[in-house]
Amino acid sequence: MPARALQHVDAEKKDDEALRAEARSHLADTPALQLVAELLARLRAADLPFWSPAVLRSRWNAAERMRWFRQRPDIRQRITTGLTGLAPRAARKKMAEFQAALIDSVIDEGDIPVRAFDESFDPTELAVYGPASAFWHVTRELFPWTDDAPVHQELAAWLLKALLADTSSIPGLGRVPILTPWDLRTAIDGRVWHTRVPLEVRVAIDDARFSQERDRPGAPFHAQDDLAIAVPEIIAASVPLRDLAGVLDAAERAMGFDRDAPRAKAPPDIAPRTKSLPPDAPARGSIPPPAVPPTLAPPPSIPAGGAAPQATSASPDRPARKATFAFGGSLAAGRHPRAGPVPCARQVPIPCKLLCAGSFLRCRAPGPRAPPSPQSPRSRASRSCAASAPPRRPHAGRRARAHQPLGRPFRRRARRQRRGPPVRVPPRRSSRPAPPPPLTR
């Protein structure tokens, strides 16, 4: 469950002590907030350039910080009185925006340093009421992972130990470890582990494993036994800091901060990928010109043994009729009714073409039917077209039905589906009374 900022219920009806107790309980129940509070305190004590008070004030100004403590007037009164010298009762009754403006004015005029402004906020209160996930992501963003300086390695070693610890540095609090030893060990790439960890450390791990196998054959040697020898200080000093990104990713998922991670932005010099358009393509939002119908190619030549189809040319005032083709069945290889291409029995302005190999089509062009072939009047081949084009993959829409057989049962079923279920009219009842039953002796 991701760690969220504390929101009190009916905060105006509770006193300061009750609100303080709820904040303490919320911190004790959330290990991620404890880790963030410890991290903020550690970064403030280290006084690193990337985490200076001026950088933090540019990230989170006084107005934003005061809004975090909108339900805690006691905290806002303490900060305002300590920085500006305003009387406690007057400072408590002021709104958060007025208090923030007053604090900014004394900082801008040089009455107090920026460090005093940053130190007036307690790390535990920032973790409970502030955006804990934002603190984590900004730390990862600003930390110089490519600089393996001793101070940075020391901070990384402390973070590894804090992720594995089951106790908190905050007095009186304990927690469940954020990561297990197995999580931390597997988050480091195996090639990095075996090439960066010193050889004597890896030899000591092997010796400990063999000794335990000899003394206690049934006891397994876990990842925590590896980390008991390769302690976090050795890992941070041996492994490059940029190779510890997998450990931070695992901790981020364990604390629930991965859902609030900011999306990576593309560099400004890289243009977004767009589809390549031809130079004469219209711009988006403009109305394209009307499409000109393509010119149809002449029908292919027909070899001897079959009559060529008579293609009629379309005049400008009378456009050519569109012919539709339907699947007429499939033929086995080498068993076509006639050798060679069979011409279409209908006179259409375009040649008939197959949609797939091994099947033939029946033309359904509108208009009068051509007389059947005298050679085989009942032959289906005389009313169909042979393969005159390469096979083509069918696509969705009307042409997908072209690969279904059009036999007589199928046509009847399709006709019934188009018409819908038959409507049954109930018999009409007569208003006259029924005749009496016949009398029987």
Protein backbone atom coordinates (compact mmCIF):
# COMPACT_ATOMS: atom_id res chain seq x y z
CA MET A 1 0.00 0.00 0.00
CA PRO A 2 1.53 3.34 -1.02
CA ALA A 3 2.34 5.81 1.73
CA ARG A 4 0.08 8.85 1.66
CA ALA A 5 0.10 12.13 3.54
CA LEU A 6 -1.93 12.10 6.73
CA GLN A 7 -5.37 13.68 6.58
CA HIS A 8 -7.07 14.17 9.95
CA VAL A 9 -10.81 13.64 10.33
CA ASP A 10 -12.54 16.57 12.05
CA ALA A 11 -9.22 18.23 12.79
CA GLU A 12 -10.92 21.45 13.95
CA LYS A 13 -12.64 19.54 16.75
CA LYS A 14 -9.42 18.04 18.16
CA ASP A 15 -6.75 19.65 20.26
CA ASP A 16 -3.04 19.74 19.48
CA GLU A 17 -2.23 16.73 21.63
CA ALA A 18 -4.75 14.50 19.84
CA LEU A 19 -3.44 15.57 16.41
CA ARG A 20 0.12 14.93 17.56
CA ALA A 21 -0.83 11.42 18.74
CA GLU A 22 -2.49 10.61 15.40
CA ALA A 23 0.61 11.76 13.52
CA ARG A 24 2.83 9.58 15.71
CA SER A 25 0.60 6.56 15.18
CA HIS A 26 0.53 7.11 11.42
CA LEU A 27 4.31 7.29 11.31
CA ALA A 28 4.69 4.14 13.40
CA ASP A 29 2.36 2.17 11.11
CA THR A 30 4.07 3.18 7.84
CA PRO A 31 7.66 1.95 7.39
CA ALA A 32 8.06 3.93 4.15
CA LEU A 33 7.43 7.23 5.96
CA GLN A 34 9.96 6.31 8.61
CA LEU A 35 12.58 5.68 5.93
CA VAL A 36 11.79 8.98 4.20
CA ALA A 37 12.04 10.87 7.50
CA GLU A 38 15.41 9.25 8.24
CA LEU A 39 16.61 10.04 4.70
CA LEU A 40 15.65 13.72 5.02
CA ALA A 41 17.46 13.98 8.34
CA ARG A 42 20.55 12.26 6.91
CA LEU A 43 20.67 14.52 3.86
CA ARG A 44 20.31 17.62 6.03
CA ALA A 45 23.14 16.49 8.28
CA ALA A 46 25.41 15.63 5.32
CA ASP A 47 25.00 19.18 3.87
CA LEU A 48 25.64 18.09 0.29
CA PRO A 49 25.61 20.61 -2.60
CA PHE A 50 22.76 18.93 -4.44
CA TRP A 51 20.59 19.08 -1.28
CA SER A 52 21.28 22.61 -0.13
CA PRO A 53 18.59 24.77 1.54
CA ALA A 54 18.43 27.04 -1.52
CA VAL A 55 17.74 24.07 -3.82
CA LEU A 56 15.05 22.77 -1.50
CA ARG A 57 13.38 26.17 -1.23
CA SER A 58 13.24 26.42 -5.03
CA ARG A 59 11.59 23.00 -5.11
CA TRP A 60 9.14 23.54 -2.26
CA ASN A 61 8.58 27.17 -1.30
CA ALA A 62 6.99 28.47 1.89
CA ALA A 63 3.45 28.62 0.46
CA GLU A 64 3.51 24.98 -0.57
CA ARG A 65 4.98 23.84 2.74
CA MET A 66 2.41 25.76 4.76
CA ARG A 67 -0.37 24.12 2.76
CA TRP A 68 0.93 20.73 3.88
CA PHE A 69 0.22 21.70 7.50
CA ARG A 70 -3.18 23.25 6.88
CA GLN A 71 -4.73 20.94 9.51
CA ARG A 72 -1.92 21.62 12.03
CA PRO A 73 -2.15 25.26 13.17
CA ASP A 74 0.26 24.54 16.01
CA ILE A 75 3.07 23.63 13.59
CA ARG A 76 2.42 26.67 11.39
CA GLN A 77 2.33 28.94 14.44
CA ARG A 78 5.63 27.57 15.72
CA ILE A 79 7.38 28.05 12.36
CA THR A 80 5.95 31.53 11.78
CA THR A 81 6.81 32.74 15.26
CA GLY A 82 10.31 31.31 15.12
CA LEU A 83 11.14 32.89 11.73
CA THR A 84 9.28 36.21 11.80
CA GLY A 85 8.91 36.96 15.52
CA LEU A 86 5.14 37.33 15.28
CA ALA A 87 3.26 36.81 18.54
CA PRO A 88 2.07 33.21 19.03
CA ARG A 89 -1.67 33.95 19.26
CA ALA A 90 -1.62 36.29 16.29
CA ALA A 91 0.45 33.86 14.25
CA ARG A 92 -1.90 30.94 15.03
CA LYS A 93 -4.99 32.77 13.78
CA LYS A 94 -3.46 33.72 10.44
CA MET A 95 -4.12 31.74 7.25
CA ALA A 96 -1.40 29.59 5.68
CA GLU A 97 -1.02 31.98 2.71
CA PHE A 98 -0.47 34.98 4.97
CA GLN A 99 2.10 33.10 7.04
CA ALA A 100 3.96 31.97 3.90
CA ALA A 101 4.05 35.50 2.49
CA LEU A 102 5.39 36.80 5.81
CA ILE A 103 8.12 34.16 5.87
CA ASP A 104 9.14 34.88 2.27
CA SER A 105 9.36 38.58 3.03
CA VAL A 106 11.80 38.14 5.92
CA ILE A 107 13.94 35.73 3.86
CA ASP A 108 14.02 37.99 0.79
CA GLU A 109 14.97 41.00 2.88
CA GLY A 110 17.87 39.07 4.42
CA ASP A 111 16.59 39.13 7.98
CA ILE A 112 17.05 35.35 8.29
CA PRO A 113 19.16 32.92 6.21
CA VAL A 114 17.65 30.26 4.00
CA ARG A 115 19.20 27.57 6.19
CA ALA A 116 17.11 28.74 9.14
CA PHE A 117 14.00 28.40 7.00
CA ASP A 118 14.90 24.82 6.04
CA GLU A 119 15.83 23.77 9.57
CA SER A 120 12.56 25.07 11.01
CA PHE A 121 10.72 22.11 9.44
CA ASP A 122 11.06 18.79 11.27
CA PRO A 123 11.88 15.82 8.99
CA THR A 124 9.30 13.56 10.64
CA GLU A 125 6.58 16.17 10.16
CA LEU A 126 7.61 16.62 6.54
CA ALA A 127 7.39 12.87 5.95
CA VAL A 128 3.95 12.58 7.60
CA TYR A 129 2.24 15.60 6.08
CA GLY A 130 4.34 16.23 2.94
CA PRO A 131 4.66 14.31 -0.34
CA ALA A 132 6.89 11.43 0.75
CA SER A 133 7.05 9.95 -2.76
CA ALA A 134 8.15 13.32 -4.17
CA PHE A 135 10.96 13.49 -1.61
CA TRP A 136 12.14 10.05 -2.73
CA HIS A 137 11.99 10.81 -6.45
CA VAL A 138 13.72 14.18 -6.10
CA THR A 139 16.49 12.52 -4.11
CA ARG A 140 17.02 10.01 -6.89
CA GLU A 141 16.92 12.79 -9.45
CA LEU A 142 19.44 15.10 -7.77
CA PHE A 143 21.87 12.52 -6.39
CA PRO A 144 25.12 12.37 -8.45
CA TRP A 145 25.12 8.66 -9.26
CA THR A 146 28.10 8.97 -11.60
CA ASP A 147 30.33 10.48 -8.88
CA ASP A 148 31.75 7.70 -6.66
CA ALA A 149 33.09 10.10 -4.07
CA PRO A 150 33.59 8.74 -0.53
CA VAL A 151 30.82 10.94 0.88
CA HIS A 152 28.38 9.61 -1.71
CA GLN A 153 29.46 6.03 -1.07
CA GLU A 154 28.93 6.57 2.65
CA LEU A 155 25.39 7.83 2.02
CA ALA A 156 24.67 4.86 -0.27
CA ALA A 157 25.93 2.41 2.37
CA TRP A 158 23.68 4.03 4.96
CA LEU A 159 20.70 3.73 2.62
CA LEU A 160 21.35 0.01 2.03
CA LYS A 161 21.51 -0.60 5.76
CA ALA A 162 18.33 1.41 6.34
CA LEU A 163 16.47 -0.67 3.73
CA LEU A 164 17.44 -3.89 5.51
CA ALA A 165 16.97 -2.63 9.08
CA ASP A 166 14.06 -3.74 11.25
CA THR A 167 14.44 -0.82 13.65
CA SER A 168 14.15 2.90 13.12
CA SER A 169 16.56 5.62 14.11
CA ILE A 170 13.55 7.61 15.36
CA PRO A 171 13.31 6.94 19.10
CA GLY A 172 10.59 4.55 20.13
CA LEU A 173 9.69 3.28 16.65
CA GLY A 174 10.26 -0.04 14.92
CA ARG A 175 9.34 -1.25 11.47
CA VAL A 176 9.26 -4.15 9.09
CA PRO A 177 12.31 -4.14 6.77
CA ILE A 178 11.67 -2.45 3.44
CA LEU A 179 13.75 -5.06 1.57
CA THR A 180 14.81 -8.57 2.46
CA PRO A 181 18.41 -9.70 1.93
CA TRP A 182 17.22 -11.76 -1.03
CA ASP A 183 15.62 -8.66 -2.62
CA LEU A 184 18.78 -6.62 -2.25
CA ARG A 185 21.11 -9.39 -3.45
CA THR A 186 19.05 -10.21 -6.53
CA ALA A 187 18.57 -6.53 -7.39
CA ILE A 188 22.31 -6.27 -8.11
CA ASP A 189 23.26 -7.76 -11.45
CA GLY A 190 25.25 -10.98 -11.18
CA ARG A 191 27.96 -9.82 -13.57
CA VAL A 192 28.41 -6.63 -11.54
CA TRP A 193 28.54 -8.61 -8.30
CA HIS A 194 31.22 -11.05 -9.48
CA THR A 195 33.35 -8.41 -11.21
CA ARG A 196 33.13 -5.55 -8.68
CA VAL A 197 33.00 -7.22 -5.28
CA PRO A 198 36.56 -7.93 -4.12
CA LEU A 199 37.89 -11.42 -4.70
CA GLU A 200 38.72 -12.05 -1.04
CA VAL A 201 35.10 -11.26 -0.09
CA ARG A 202 33.72 -13.74 -2.59
CA VAL A 203 36.23 -16.37 -1.43
CA ALA A 204 35.14 -15.79 2.17
CA ILE A 205 31.51 -16.32 1.13
CA ASP A 206 32.40 -19.63 -0.55
CA ASP A 207 34.39 -20.78 2.48
CA ALA A 208 31.46 -19.99 4.78
CA ARG A 209 29.08 -21.89 2.53
CA PHE A 210 31.31 -24.98 2.44
CA SER A 211 31.87 -24.87 6.21
CA GLN A 212 28.15 -24.72 6.87
CA GLU A 213 27.51 -27.56 4.43
CA ARG A 214 30.08 -29.66 6.31
CA ASP A 215 28.88 -28.83 9.81
CA ARG A 216 25.14 -28.60 9.09
CA PRO A 217 24.36 -30.36 5.83
CA GLY A 218 20.64 -29.71 6.05
CA ALA A 219 20.86 -25.97 6.71
CA PRO A 220 20.68 -23.79 3.56
CA PHE A 221 23.00 -20.89 2.90
CA HIS A 222 20.76 -17.88 2.24
CA ALA A 223 21.32 -14.40 0.83
CA GLN A 224 21.46 -12.99 4.34
CA ASP A 225 24.56 -15.14 4.91
CA ASP A 226 26.13 -13.53 1.83
CA LEU A 227 25.34 -10.04 3.11
CA ALA A 228 26.69 -10.90 6.55
CA ILE A 229 30.11 -11.09 4.89
CA ALA A 230 29.63 -8.60 2.05
CA VAL A 231 28.26 -5.84 4.27
CA PRO A 232 26.65 -2.67 2.78
CA GLU A 233 29.84 -0.68 3.32
CA ILE A 234 31.78 -3.13 1.10
CA ILE A 235 29.02 -3.13 -1.54
CA ALA A 236 28.83 0.68 -1.69
CA ALA A 237 32.63 0.99 -1.88
CA SER A 238 33.04 -1.70 -4.57
CA VAL A 239 29.97 -1.50 -6.80
CA PRO A 240 29.52 1.69 -8.87
CA LEU A 241 26.67 3.79 -7.55
CA ARG A 242 24.89 3.80 -10.90
CA ASP A 243 24.70 -0.02 -10.73
CA LEU A 244 22.67 0.22 -7.53
CA ALA A 245 19.67 1.55 -9.44
CA GLY A 246 18.04 -1.89 -9.31
CA VAL A 247 18.09 -1.80 -5.50
CA LEU A 248 16.37 1.59 -5.51
CA ASP A 249 13.77 0.34 -7.98
CA ALA A 250 12.99 -2.63 -5.75
CA ALA A 251 12.69 -0.35 -2.72
CA GLU A 252 10.45 2.00 -4.68
CA ARG A 253 8.08 -0.83 -5.54
CA ALA A 254 8.09 -2.09 -1.96
CA MET A 255 7.17 1.35 -0.60
CA GLY A 256 4.53 1.96 -3.26
CA PHE A 257 6.30 4.98 -4.74
CA ASP A 258 6.49 3.52 -8.26
CA ARG A 259 2.90 4.59 -9.04
CA ASP A 260 3.76 8.24 -8.36
CA ALA A 261 7.00 8.17 -10.34
CA PRO A 262 7.26 11.05 -12.86
CA ARG A 263 7.26 10.04 -16.50
CA ALA A 264 10.57 10.30 -18.31
CA LYS A 265 10.69 13.21 -20.76
CA ALA A 266 12.36 12.98 -24.14
CA PRO A 267 15.40 15.20 -24.77
CA PRO A 268 14.44 18.53 -26.38
CA ASP A 269 16.65 17.92 -29.42
CA ILE A 270 14.80 14.73 -30.36
CA ALA A 271 11.71 15.38 -32.44
CA PRO A 272 8.65 13.19 -31.87
CA ARG A 273 8.28 10.27 -34.19
CA THR A 274 5.66 10.89 -36.85
CA LYS A 275 4.50 8.92 -39.81
CA SER A 276 6.25 9.80 -43.04
CA LEU A 277 3.86 11.46 -45.47
CA PRO A 278 4.37 12.12 -49.17
CA PRO A 279 5.23 15.71 -50.09
CA ASP A 280 1.88 16.20 -51.81
CA ALA A 281 -0.15 14.92 -48.80
CA PRO A 282 -2.63 17.46 -47.33
CA ALA A 283 -1.98 18.86 -43.90
CA ARG A 284 -3.91 17.64 -40.86
CA GLY A 285 -7.20 19.44 -40.49
CA SER A 286 -7.45 20.39 -44.18
CA ILE A 287 -10.07 18.93 -46.50
CA PRO A 288 -8.43 16.62 -49.03
CA PRO A 289 -9.39 17.04 -52.71
CA PRO A 290 -11.86 14.54 -54.20
CA ALA A 291 -10.22 11.32 -55.22
CA VAL A 292 -9.99 10.54 -58.91
CA PRO A 293 -11.11 7.00 -59.79
CA PRO A 294 -8.15 4.92 -60.97
CA THR A 295 -7.88 3.79 -64.53
CA LEU A 296 -8.59 0.09 -64.92
CA ALA A 297 -6.04 -2.08 -66.64
CA PRO A 298 -7.06 -4.01 -69.75
CA PRO A 299 -8.06 -7.63 -69.22
CA PRO A 300 -5.29 -10.21 -69.54
CA SER A 301 -4.87 -12.18 -72.70
CA ILE A 302 -6.74 -15.46 -72.89
CA PRO A 303 -4.92 -18.49 -74.34
CA ALA A 304 -6.35 -20.76 -76.93
CA GLY A 305 -9.26 -22.91 -75.86
CA GLY A 306 -11.33 -20.16 -74.25
CA ALA A 307 -13.17 -17.10 -75.47
CA ALA A 308 -11.94 -13.73 -74.30
CA PRO A 309 -14.34 -11.63 -72.25
CA GLN A 310 -15.86 -8.71 -74.06
CA ALA A 311 -15.00 -5.68 -71.95
CA THR A 312 -17.12 -2.61 -72.53
CA SER A 313 -15.48 0.78 -72.19
CA ALA A 314 -17.19 3.28 -69.91
CA SER A 315 -18.14 6.59 -71.43
CA PRO A 316 -17.79 9.87 -69.51
CA ASP A 317 -21.56 10.32 -69.21
CA ARG A 318 -22.15 6.71 -68.27
CA PRO A 319 -19.73 5.37 -65.64
CA ALA A 320 -18.71 1.75 -65.65
CA ARG A 321 -20.74 -0.58 -63.48
CA LYS A 322 -19.03 -2.13 -60.50
CA ALA A 323 -18.86 -5.89 -60.51
CA THR A 324 -18.95 -7.88 -57.30
CA PHE A 325 -17.60 -11.39 -56.96
CA ALA A 326 -18.58 -14.12 -54.55
CA PHE A 327 -16.91 -17.36 -53.63
CA GLY A 328 -18.21 -20.18 -55.73
CA GLY A 329 -16.35 -23.10 -54.20
CA SER A 330 -12.86 -24.56 -54.09
CA LEU A 331 -11.19 -26.92 -56.50
CA ALA A 332 -8.44 -29.36 -55.81
CA ALA A 333 -5.12 -28.81 -57.50
CA GLY A 334 -5.16 -30.07 -61.08
CA ARG A 335 -8.91 -30.79 -61.15
CA HIS A 336 -10.27 -27.62 -62.71
CA PRO A 337 -13.29 -28.34 -64.96
CA ARG A 338 -11.51 -26.82 -67.92
CA ALA A 339 -7.88 -26.50 -68.78
CA GLY A 340 -6.65 -22.94 -68.76
CA PRO A 341 -8.45 -19.80 -67.64
CA VAL A 342 -12.21 -19.84 -68.04
CA PRO A 343 -13.70 -16.55 -69.21
CA CYS A 344 -16.50 -14.86 -67.32
CA ALA A 345 -19.94 -15.53 -68.78
CA ARG A 346 -21.07 -12.01 -67.87
CA GLN A 347 -20.00 -8.96 -69.81
CA VAL A 348 -18.49 -6.66 -67.21
CA PRO A 349 -16.14 -3.71 -67.67
CA ILE A 350 -13.34 -5.21 -65.50
CA PRO A 351 -11.76 -8.66 -65.51
CA CYS A 352 -12.66 -11.13 -62.78
CA LYS A 353 -9.86 -11.96 -60.33
CA LEU A 354 -9.43 -14.57 -57.66
CA LEU A 355 -9.21 -13.69 -53.96
CA CYS A 356 -7.31 -16.81 -52.94
CA ALA A 357 -5.52 -19.69 -54.61
CA GLY A 358 -7.42 -22.87 -55.41
CA SER A 359 -10.85 -21.23 -55.62
CA PHE A 360 -12.90 -19.60 -58.33
CA LEU A 361 -15.43 -16.79 -58.38
CA ARG A 362 -18.87 -16.16 -59.78
CA CYS A 363 -19.50 -12.70 -61.13
CA ARG A 364 -22.54 -10.84 -59.77
CA ALA A 365 -22.38 -7.72 -61.87
CA PRO A 366 -25.70 -5.87 -62.31
CA GLY A 367 -27.32 -5.86 -65.69
CA PRO A 368 -28.67 -8.42 -68.17
CA ARG A 369 -27.19 -11.87 -68.10
CA ALA A 370 -25.15 -13.15 -70.98
CA PRO A 371 -26.36 -16.27 -72.79
CA PRO A 372 -24.90 -19.48 -71.40
CA SER A 373 -22.15 -21.28 -73.20
CA PRO A 374 -23.49 -23.76 -75.81
CA GLN A 375 -20.77 -26.24 -75.00
CA SER A 376 -21.72 -26.91 -71.40
CA PRO A 377 -24.88 -24.97 -70.46
CA ARG A 378 -25.10 -26.54 -67.02
CA SER A 379 -21.42 -26.41 -66.26
CA ARG A 380 -20.41 -24.13 -63.41
CA ALA A 381 -17.10 -23.48 -65.10
CA SER A 382 -18.90 -21.72 -67.96
CA ARG A 383 -20.30 -19.22 -65.41
CA SER A 384 -17.09 -18.67 -63.48
CA CYS A 385 -13.69 -17.18 -63.91
CA ALA A 386 -10.33 -18.88 -63.58
CA ALA A 387 -7.29 -17.70 -61.68
CA SER A 388 -5.87 -14.68 -63.45
CA ALA A 389 -4.23 -12.86 -60.51
CA PRO A 390 -1.83 -13.76 -57.69
CA PRO A 391 -3.41 -14.88 -54.41
CA ARG A 392 -4.46 -12.09 -52.11
CA ARG A 393 -5.15 -12.18 -48.37
CA PRO A 394 -8.80 -11.53 -47.53
CA HIS A 395 -9.59 -8.58 -45.35
CA ALA A 396 -12.46 -7.71 -43.04
CA GLY A 397 -15.70 -6.27 -44.30
CA ARG A 398 -17.81 -7.39 -47.18
CA ARG A 399 -15.02 -9.27 -48.90
CA ALA A 400 -14.62 -11.54 -45.88
CA ARG A 401 -17.90 -13.17 -46.92
CA ALA A 402 -16.37 -13.99 -50.28
CA HIS A 403 -14.63 -17.01 -48.72
CA GLN A 404 -17.87 -18.67 -47.65
CA PRO A 405 -19.59 -21.20 -49.91
CA LEU A 406 -22.69 -19.92 -51.66
CA GLY A 407 -24.54 -23.18 -52.08
CA ARG A 408 -28.29 -23.38 -52.06
CA PRO A 409 -28.59 -24.27 -48.33
CA PHE A 410 -26.28 -21.41 -47.44
CA ARG A 411 -28.29 -18.92 -49.49
CA ARG A 412 -31.50 -20.01 -47.83
CA ARG A 413 -29.96 -19.67 -44.39
CA ALA A 414 -28.56 -16.23 -45.22
CA ARG A 415 -31.94 -15.14 -46.54
CA ARG A 416 -33.63 -16.27 -43.32
CA GLN A 417 -31.03 -14.41 -41.26
CA ARG A 418 -31.63 -11.21 -43.19
CA ARG A 419 -35.38 -11.45 -42.85
CA GLY A 420 -35.24 -12.27 -39.15
CA PRO A 421 -37.41 -14.70 -37.23
CA PRO A 422 -40.86 -15.29 -38.72
CA VAL A 423 -43.70 -13.36 -37.16
CA ARG A 424 -46.45 -15.68 -36.02
CA VAL A 425 -49.88 -14.08 -36.03
CA PRO A 426 -52.18 -15.56 -33.38
CA PRO A 427 -55.48 -16.91 -34.70
CA ARG A 428 -58.33 -14.49 -34.60
CA ARG A 429 -60.88 -15.22 -31.97
CA SER A 430 -64.53 -14.87 -32.80
CA SER A 431 -66.77 -12.73 -30.62
CA ARG A 432 -69.67 -15.18 -31.03
CA PRO A 433 -70.19 -17.64 -28.22
CA ALA A 434 -69.17 -21.20 -28.84
CA PRO A 435 -72.03 -23.50 -29.94
CA PRO A 436 -73.34 -25.86 -27.28
CA PRO A 437 -72.11 -29.43 -27.42
CA PRO A 438 -74.42 -31.85 -29.27
CA LEU A 439 -76.92 -33.77 -27.20
CA THR A 440 -76.35 -37.45 -26.89
CA ARG A 441 -78.90 -40.02 -25.95
